[in-house]
Amino acid sequence: MLKIKNILFVLIFAALQLNFAQTGIAKYAGEFISIGVGARALGMGSAQVAIVNDVTSGYWNPAGLAKMNYPQVALMHDEQFGGLVNYNFASVAMPYGKDMSFGISAIRLSVDGIPDTRNALIDARTGELITDINNPNARIDPDKIKKFSNTDWAFYGTFSKKQSDKFYWGANIKVVSRSIAEFSALGIGFDIGALYEPIDNLYLGANLMDITTTLVAWDGGRNELIAPTAKLGVAYGFEFLGGKFLPVLDLDMRFENRRFASTFSVGPVSFDVRTGLEYSFKNLFMIRAGYTDVKQFTAGAGVKLPKLNIDYSYAQFSGSAEETLKATHRISIILTLEEPKFMRDGL
């Protein structure tokens, strides 16, 4: 655990040493957004683009929000690396008229209580502050160490419309806010998504994220670029063993030259694959499994109670990383106001 903390602190301090008066491009500027939301999705390897149909659609594919027939609220809390990283998600959405839906979502990722030693280096002989770490008399004064947080926010405003019984589409406006110690940044982006069901039980989905390229501007003058990502998904459901099986496959296409941080790549275009499987028994109890683009095996379960869905997911890194990184457990809830007075018009 100490090793993980040390690595994270080094990365954060390296970011603090950036020259904020310059303009540069950071290909992983929006990486915190890619963690995923909802224990159902995370238990299926985060393969959701073609099948999402609830309040979490604002994140996975805005088109899915039009499939809601009642207002919904979702909450999720996640702690990683022994509680070092806190990740929270909240969303609310409601149907409007016969064929539209609106939603608002928020994501927060934070590392709190990070020691700030930038003004704690002193000359051990004189006690004066110094900046030369190579000074043989350089020491850290514990009384001068302060603490700060590294916090990232993403806010989504979602609109979705049912165009026909087979085709749905939607869009997000997305606001990204980042802060490291006294530095802060702001960016605005847009997503467009679609769902298509050509035949019964066959689901096709696409989500074009950051389609105009989201530029995150730091207050010191440095810019970070969140490049567009194309997310494609396919799923097919079938009845078996008294319930419904739903295998899913997602493919992410990025244009950031991630040759070594992807499933495979062709020139500057990288591809990441995620797979998942869900078995639902009479839409009351679900079990799930999946494999993510970062080589994580996932599993999960869910139960549907009156007006309340409770979902659990488990994720474990494969390979040598599993010796260092602990398993991740997530629980999320979705509250559905399933009453006649809240029902979508025309049903």
Protein backbone atom coordinates (compact mmCIF):
# COMPACT_ATOMS: atom_id res chain seq x y z
CA MET A 1 0.00 0.00 0.00
CA LEU A 2 2.83 2.42 0.82
CA LYS A 3 4.34 1.69 -2.59
CA ILE A 4 1.10 2.64 -4.33
CA LYS A 5 0.83 5.84 -2.30
CA ASN A 6 4.37 6.79 -3.14
CA ILE A 7 3.75 6.26 -6.86
CA LEU A 8 0.61 8.39 -6.79
CA PHE A 9 2.30 11.18 -4.86
CA VAL A 10 5.21 11.23 -7.32
CA LEU A 11 2.81 11.49 -10.27
CA ILE A 12 0.88 14.32 -8.65
CA PHE A 13 4.00 16.26 -7.72
CA ALA A 14 5.29 15.79 -11.26
CA ALA A 15 2.08 17.39 -12.50
CA LEU A 16 2.65 20.31 -10.14
CA GLN A 17 6.03 20.94 -11.69
CA LEU A 18 4.48 21.54 -15.13
CA ASN A 19 5.06 24.99 -16.55
CA PHE A 20 1.51 26.32 -16.45
CA ALA A 21 2.52 29.34 -18.54
CA GLN A 22 2.95 27.07 -21.57
CA THR A 23 0.41 25.41 -23.82
CA GLY A 24 0.64 21.68 -24.34
CA ILE A 25 -1.44 18.61 -25.12
CA ALA A 26 -2.08 15.84 -22.58
CA LYS A 27 -3.62 12.73 -24.13
CA TYR A 28 -4.85 11.34 -20.78
CA ALA A 29 -6.53 14.57 -19.60
CA GLY A 30 -9.95 12.90 -19.45
CA GLU A 31 -8.84 9.53 -18.14
CA PHE A 32 -10.72 9.90 -14.84
CA ILE A 33 -13.98 9.91 -16.83
CA SER A 34 -13.27 6.44 -18.24
CA ILE A 35 -13.52 4.57 -14.91
CA GLY A 36 -17.22 3.83 -15.38
CA VAL A 37 -20.40 4.15 -13.32
CA GLY A 38 -23.02 1.76 -11.99
CA ALA A 39 -22.27 -1.65 -10.53
CA ARG A 40 -24.33 -3.40 -13.22
CA ALA A 41 -22.07 -2.06 -15.96
CA LEU A 42 -18.86 -2.54 -14.00
CA GLY A 43 -19.77 -6.16 -13.28
CA MET A 44 -20.07 -6.73 -17.04
CA GLY A 45 -16.61 -5.45 -17.91
CA SER A 46 -17.99 -1.96 -18.60
CA ALA A 47 -19.60 -3.17 -21.84
CA GLN A 48 -22.79 -1.08 -21.92
CA VAL A 49 -22.98 1.06 -25.06
CA ALA A 50 -25.66 -1.09 -26.74
CA ILE A 51 -27.77 -2.11 -23.74
CA VAL A 52 -27.93 0.77 -21.25
CA ASN A 53 -31.55 1.83 -20.64
CA ASP A 54 -31.66 3.60 -17.28
CA VAL A 55 -30.50 6.74 -15.47
CA THR A 56 -26.82 5.87 -16.03
CA SER A 57 -27.30 6.34 -19.79
CA GLY A 58 -25.99 9.88 -19.56
CA TYR A 59 -22.56 8.36 -18.98
CA TRP A 60 -22.61 5.24 -21.19
CA ASN A 61 -24.79 6.31 -24.10
CA PRO A 62 -27.17 9.30 -23.91
CA ALA A 63 -29.58 7.61 -26.35
CA GLY A 64 -30.55 5.03 -23.72
CA LEU A 65 -32.20 7.63 -21.51
CA ALA A 66 -35.28 7.69 -23.81
CA LYS A 67 -36.01 4.09 -22.81
CA MET A 68 -36.93 5.21 -19.28
CA ASN A 69 -40.64 5.33 -18.46
CA TYR A 70 -40.33 6.62 -14.87
CA PRO A 71 -38.04 9.11 -13.09
CA GLN A 72 -34.89 7.53 -11.64
CA VAL A 73 -32.09 8.44 -9.23
CA ALA A 74 -28.74 6.62 -9.10
CA LEU A 75 -25.92 6.71 -6.52
CA MET A 76 -22.54 4.98 -6.36
CA HIS A 77 -19.53 5.23 -4.05
CA ASP A 78 -16.19 3.58 -4.72
CA GLU A 79 -12.91 3.55 -2.80
CA GLN A 80 -9.76 2.28 -4.49
CA PHE A 81 -6.24 1.45 -3.27
CA GLY A 82 -7.33 1.02 0.33
CA GLY A 83 -9.41 4.20 0.40
CA LEU A 84 -6.69 6.41 -1.06
CA VAL A 85 -8.83 7.32 -4.12
CA ASN A 86 -12.50 8.25 -3.65
CA TYR A 87 -14.84 7.99 -6.63
CA ASN A 88 -18.50 9.04 -6.49
CA PHE A 89 -21.35 9.19 -9.00
CA ALA A 90 -24.87 10.60 -8.77
CA SER A 91 -27.52 11.03 -11.42
CA VAL A 92 -31.18 11.95 -11.79
CA ALA A 93 -33.31 11.64 -14.92
CA MET A 94 -36.96 11.84 -15.90
CA PRO A 95 -39.10 11.13 -18.97
CA TYR A 96 -40.76 14.04 -20.73
CA GLY A 97 -43.76 13.74 -23.00
CA LYS A 98 -44.18 10.61 -25.11
CA ASP A 99 -40.67 10.20 -26.47
CA MET A 100 -38.06 12.36 -24.68
CA SER A 101 -35.99 12.24 -21.49
CA PHE A 102 -33.72 14.65 -19.61
CA GLY A 103 -30.99 13.90 -17.08
CA ILE A 104 -28.21 15.42 -14.97
CA SER A 105 -25.18 13.45 -13.75
CA ALA A 106 -22.06 14.21 -11.72
CA ILE A 107 -18.77 12.33 -11.23
CA ARG A 108 -16.15 13.19 -8.60
CA LEU A 109 -12.73 11.59 -8.24
CA SER A 110 -10.48 12.81 -5.45
CA VAL A 111 -7.18 12.05 -3.73
CA ASP A 112 -7.23 13.98 -0.44
CA GLY A 113 -4.65 14.73 2.22
CA ILE A 114 -1.62 14.83 -0.10
CA PRO A 115 1.51 16.15 1.67
CA ASP A 116 2.78 19.41 0.09
CA THR A 117 6.52 19.79 0.73
CA ARG A 118 7.18 22.58 -1.80
CA ASN A 119 7.72 25.13 0.98
CA ALA A 120 9.11 22.74 3.56
CA LEU A 121 12.71 22.34 2.33
CA ILE A 122 15.16 24.04 4.71
CA ASP A 123 18.88 24.33 5.34
CA ALA A 124 19.44 22.21 8.44
CA ARG A 125 22.18 24.58 9.69
CA THR A 126 20.34 27.88 9.36
CA GLY A 127 16.67 26.83 9.26
CA GLU A 128 16.11 29.00 6.18
CA LEU A 129 13.91 27.92 3.29
CA ILE A 130 15.85 26.71 0.27
CA THR A 131 14.95 25.37 -3.19
CA ASP A 132 18.05 23.31 -3.99
CA ILE A 133 17.28 19.68 -3.19
CA ASN A 134 20.90 18.80 -3.94
CA ASN A 135 22.17 20.94 -1.06
CA PRO A 136 23.91 18.51 1.33
CA ASN A 137 22.23 20.29 4.25
CA ALA A 138 18.73 20.11 2.73
CA ARG A 139 16.10 18.74 5.07
CA ILE A 140 12.29 18.57 5.16
CA ASP A 141 10.77 20.46 8.08
CA PRO A 142 7.63 18.48 9.14
CA ASP A 143 6.08 21.60 10.64
CA LYS A 144 6.07 23.30 7.24
CA ILE A 145 4.33 20.46 5.38
CA LYS A 146 0.82 21.32 4.26
CA LYS A 147 -1.81 19.18 2.60
CA PHE A 148 -3.86 19.56 -0.57
CA SER A 149 -6.29 17.60 -2.74
CA ASN A 150 -6.31 16.47 -6.35
CA THR A 151 -9.96 16.61 -7.42
CA ASP A 152 -11.67 16.05 -10.77
CA TRP A 153 -15.33 16.72 -11.53
CA ALA A 154 -17.45 15.93 -14.59
CA PHE A 155 -21.03 17.17 -14.99
CA TYR A 156 -23.38 15.87 -17.70
CA GLY A 157 -26.59 17.40 -19.00
CA THR A 158 -28.39 14.79 -21.14
CA PHE A 159 -31.19 14.91 -23.70
CA SER A 160 -32.58 11.78 -25.38
CA LYS A 161 -35.36 11.07 -27.87
CA LYS A 162 -37.13 7.97 -29.14
CA GLN A 163 -37.24 8.49 -32.91
CA SER A 164 -39.05 5.21 -33.59
CA ASP A 165 -39.63 1.83 -31.96
CA LYS A 166 -36.23 0.74 -33.25
CA PHE A 167 -34.10 3.89 -33.11
CA TYR A 168 -33.11 6.19 -30.23
CA TRP A 169 -30.65 9.07 -30.12
CA GLY A 170 -29.31 11.48 -27.51
CA ALA A 171 -26.67 14.08 -26.68
CA ASN A 172 -24.66 15.34 -23.71
CA ILE A 173 -23.20 18.68 -22.82
CA LYS A 174 -20.31 17.96 -20.48
CA VAL A 175 -18.44 20.28 -18.12
CA VAL A 176 -15.07 19.13 -16.76
CA SER A 177 -13.46 20.78 -13.72
CA ARG A 178 -10.02 19.82 -12.42
CA SER A 179 -7.90 21.08 -9.52
CA ILE A 180 -4.45 20.29 -8.13
CA ALA A 181 -3.53 22.31 -5.03
CA GLU A 182 -3.97 25.98 -6.02
CA PHE A 183 -4.22 25.25 -9.76
CA SER A 184 -7.60 24.75 -11.47
CA ALA A 185 -8.96 24.07 -14.95
CA LEU A 186 -12.27 24.08 -16.81
CA GLY A 187 -13.47 22.49 -20.05
CA ILE A 188 -16.70 21.94 -21.99
CA GLY A 189 -17.42 19.04 -24.36
CA PHE A 190 -20.23 17.28 -26.23
CA ASP A 191 -21.25 13.64 -26.79
CA ILE A 192 -23.72 12.15 -29.29
CA GLY A 193 -25.15 8.64 -28.98
CA ALA A 194 -27.52 6.30 -30.83
CA LEU A 195 -29.23 2.94 -30.25
CA TYR A 196 -30.70 0.71 -32.93
CA GLU A 197 -32.65 -2.54 -32.59
CA PRO A 198 -33.00 -3.99 -36.14
CA ILE A 199 -34.65 -7.19 -34.89
CA ASP A 200 -35.94 -8.47 -31.59
CA ASN A 201 -33.20 -8.96 -28.96
CA LEU A 202 -30.41 -7.55 -31.16
CA TYR A 203 -29.01 -4.29 -29.83
CA LEU A 204 -26.54 -1.98 -31.58
CA GLY A 205 -25.12 1.17 -30.00
CA ALA A 206 -22.68 3.99 -30.67
CA ASN A 207 -21.45 6.87 -28.52
CA LEU A 208 -19.20 9.55 -30.01
CA MET A 209 -17.60 11.26 -27.03
CA ASP A 210 -15.96 14.70 -27.06
CA ILE A 211 -16.89 15.03 -30.71
CA THR A 212 -15.69 18.64 -30.96
CA THR A 213 -12.53 17.85 -28.92
CA THR A 214 -12.79 19.02 -25.31
CA LEU A 215 -10.14 21.56 -24.38
CA VAL A 216 -9.47 21.79 -20.64
CA ALA A 217 -7.94 25.21 -19.94
CA TRP A 218 -5.84 25.69 -16.79
CA ASP A 219 -5.86 29.07 -15.08
CA GLY A 220 -2.08 29.36 -15.63
CA GLY A 221 -2.41 29.20 -19.41
CA ARG A 222 -1.75 25.51 -20.06
CA ASN A 223 -4.27 23.56 -22.13
CA GLU A 224 -5.07 19.84 -22.04
CA LEU A 225 -6.88 18.12 -24.87
CA ILE A 226 -9.52 15.40 -24.47
CA ALA A 227 -9.57 13.86 -27.94
CA PRO A 228 -12.71 12.28 -29.47
CA THR A 229 -13.50 8.63 -28.71
CA ALA A 230 -15.86 6.42 -30.69
CA LYS A 231 -17.56 3.71 -28.60
CA LEU A 232 -19.38 0.94 -30.45
CA GLY A 233 -21.40 -1.88 -28.94
CA VAL A 234 -23.41 -4.96 -29.87
CA ALA A 235 -25.51 -7.36 -27.78
CA TYR A 236 -27.94 -10.20 -28.35
CA GLY A 237 -30.35 -11.60 -25.79
CA PHE A 238 -31.78 -15.11 -25.75
CA GLU A 239 -33.84 -17.28 -23.42
CA PHE A 240 -32.11 -20.21 -21.71
CA LEU A 241 -32.30 -22.10 -18.39
CA GLY A 242 -35.49 -20.33 -17.41
CA GLY A 243 -34.02 -16.85 -17.77
CA LYS A 244 -32.42 -14.47 -20.23
CA PHE A 245 -28.75 -14.44 -21.27
CA LEU A 246 -27.32 -11.19 -22.59
CA PRO A 247 -23.76 -11.36 -24.01
CA VAL A 248 -22.31 -7.96 -24.94
CA LEU A 249 -19.23 -6.67 -26.76
CA ASP A 250 -17.89 -3.09 -26.81
CA LEU A 251 -15.11 -1.58 -28.91
CA ASP A 252 -13.50 1.80 -28.16
CA MET A 253 -11.66 3.68 -30.89
CA ARG A 254 -9.27 6.42 -29.81
CA PHE A 255 -7.09 8.71 -31.90
CA GLU A 256 -4.32 9.51 -29.40
CA ASN A 257 -1.60 7.15 -30.61
CA ARG A 258 -1.96 4.83 -27.59
CA ARG A 259 0.14 2.09 -29.10
CA PHE A 260 1.21 0.50 -25.81
CA ALA A 261 -1.86 1.29 -23.68
CA SER A 262 -4.55 -0.43 -25.75
CA THR A 263 -5.74 -3.88 -26.79
CA PHE A 264 -4.33 -3.28 -30.27
CA SER A 265 -3.60 -0.34 -32.56
CA VAL A 266 -3.30 0.60 -36.23
CA GLY A 267 -1.02 3.59 -36.60
CA PRO A 268 -2.27 6.41 -34.36
CA VAL A 269 -5.70 4.73 -33.91
CA SER A 270 -6.02 2.47 -30.87
CA PHE A 271 -8.72 -0.08 -30.10
CA ASP A 272 -9.89 -1.37 -26.71
CA VAL A 273 -12.22 -4.34 -26.31
CA ARG A 274 -14.57 -5.08 -23.40
CA THR A 275 -16.87 -8.06 -23.01
CA GLY A 276 -19.64 -8.93 -20.60
CA LEU A 277 -22.41 -11.41 -19.86
CA GLU A 278 -25.58 -11.08 -17.80
CA TYR A 279 -28.06 -13.76 -16.78
CA SER A 280 -31.40 -12.44 -15.58
CA PHE A 281 -33.96 -14.66 -13.87
CA LYS A 282 -37.45 -13.25 -14.43
CA ASN A 283 -35.98 -9.75 -14.17
CA LEU A 284 -35.71 -10.23 -10.41
CA PHE A 285 -32.17 -11.52 -9.86
CA MET A 286 -29.11 -11.09 -12.08
CA ILE A 287 -25.58 -12.50 -12.14
CA ARG A 288 -22.83 -11.01 -14.31
CA ALA A 289 -19.26 -11.43 -15.51
CA GLY A 290 -16.90 -9.55 -17.80
CA TYR A 291 -13.39 -8.66 -18.90
CA THR A 292 -12.25 -5.04 -19.26
CA ASP A 293 -9.86 -3.20 -21.54
CA VAL A 294 -7.34 -2.94 -18.66
CA LYS A 295 -7.19 -6.73 -18.20
CA GLN A 296 -9.55 -6.91 -15.24
CA PHE A 297 -11.86 -9.84 -14.65
CA THR A 298 -15.15 -8.64 -13.25
CA ALA A 299 -18.19 -10.24 -11.68
CA GLY A 300 -21.37 -9.01 -10.11
CA ALA A 301 -24.94 -9.55 -9.09
CA GLY A 302 -28.10 -7.54 -8.81
CA VAL A 303 -31.55 -7.72 -7.31
CA LYS A 304 -34.65 -5.81 -8.38
CA LEU A 305 -36.91 -4.83 -5.51
CA PRO A 306 -40.08 -2.72 -5.72
CA LYS A 307 -38.81 0.71 -6.93
CA LEU A 308 -35.20 -0.15 -6.04
CA ASN A 309 -32.36 -1.86 -7.92
CA ILE A 310 -29.30 -2.87 -5.89
CA ASP A 311 -26.21 -3.94 -7.81
CA TYR A 312 -22.79 -5.19 -6.75
CA SER A 313 -19.60 -5.62 -8.77
CA TYR A 314 -16.18 -7.09 -8.11
CA ALA A 315 -13.04 -6.42 -10.17
CA GLN A 316 -9.59 -7.97 -9.95
CA PHE A 317 -6.48 -7.19 -11.98
CA SER A 318 -4.85 -10.12 -13.71
CA GLY A 319 -1.10 -10.79 -13.99
CA SER A 320 1.60 -9.44 -11.72
CA ALA A 321 -0.42 -6.33 -10.86
CA GLU A 322 -2.78 -8.38 -8.69
CA GLU A 323 0.01 -8.75 -6.15
CA THR A 324 0.03 -4.98 -5.63
CA LEU A 325 -3.48 -3.77 -6.43
CA LYS A 326 -6.34 -4.86 -4.24
CA ALA A 327 -9.66 -6.04 -5.59
CA THR A 328 -12.33 -3.38 -6.07
CA HIS A 329 -15.84 -3.77 -4.69
CA ARG A 330 -18.66 -1.46 -5.78
CA ILE A 331 -22.30 -1.12 -4.79
CA SER A 332 -24.78 1.12 -6.57
CA ILE A 333 -28.49 1.76 -6.22
CA ILE A 334 -31.13 3.00 -8.63
CA LEU A 335 -34.40 4.33 -7.22
CA THR A 336 -37.33 4.27 -9.68
CA LEU A 337 -40.45 6.33 -8.94
CA GLU A 338 -42.63 3.62 -10.43
CA GLU A 339 -46.05 5.08 -9.79
CA PRO A 340 -48.87 5.92 -12.22
CA LYS A 341 -48.59 9.66 -11.63
CA PHE A 342 -44.93 9.63 -12.71
CA MET A 343 -45.38 7.37 -15.75
CA ARG A 344 -44.37 8.61 -19.20
CA ASP A 345 -47.20 10.13 -21.17
CA GLY A 346 -48.92 7.87 -23.68
CA LEU A 347 -48.19 4.52 -21.97
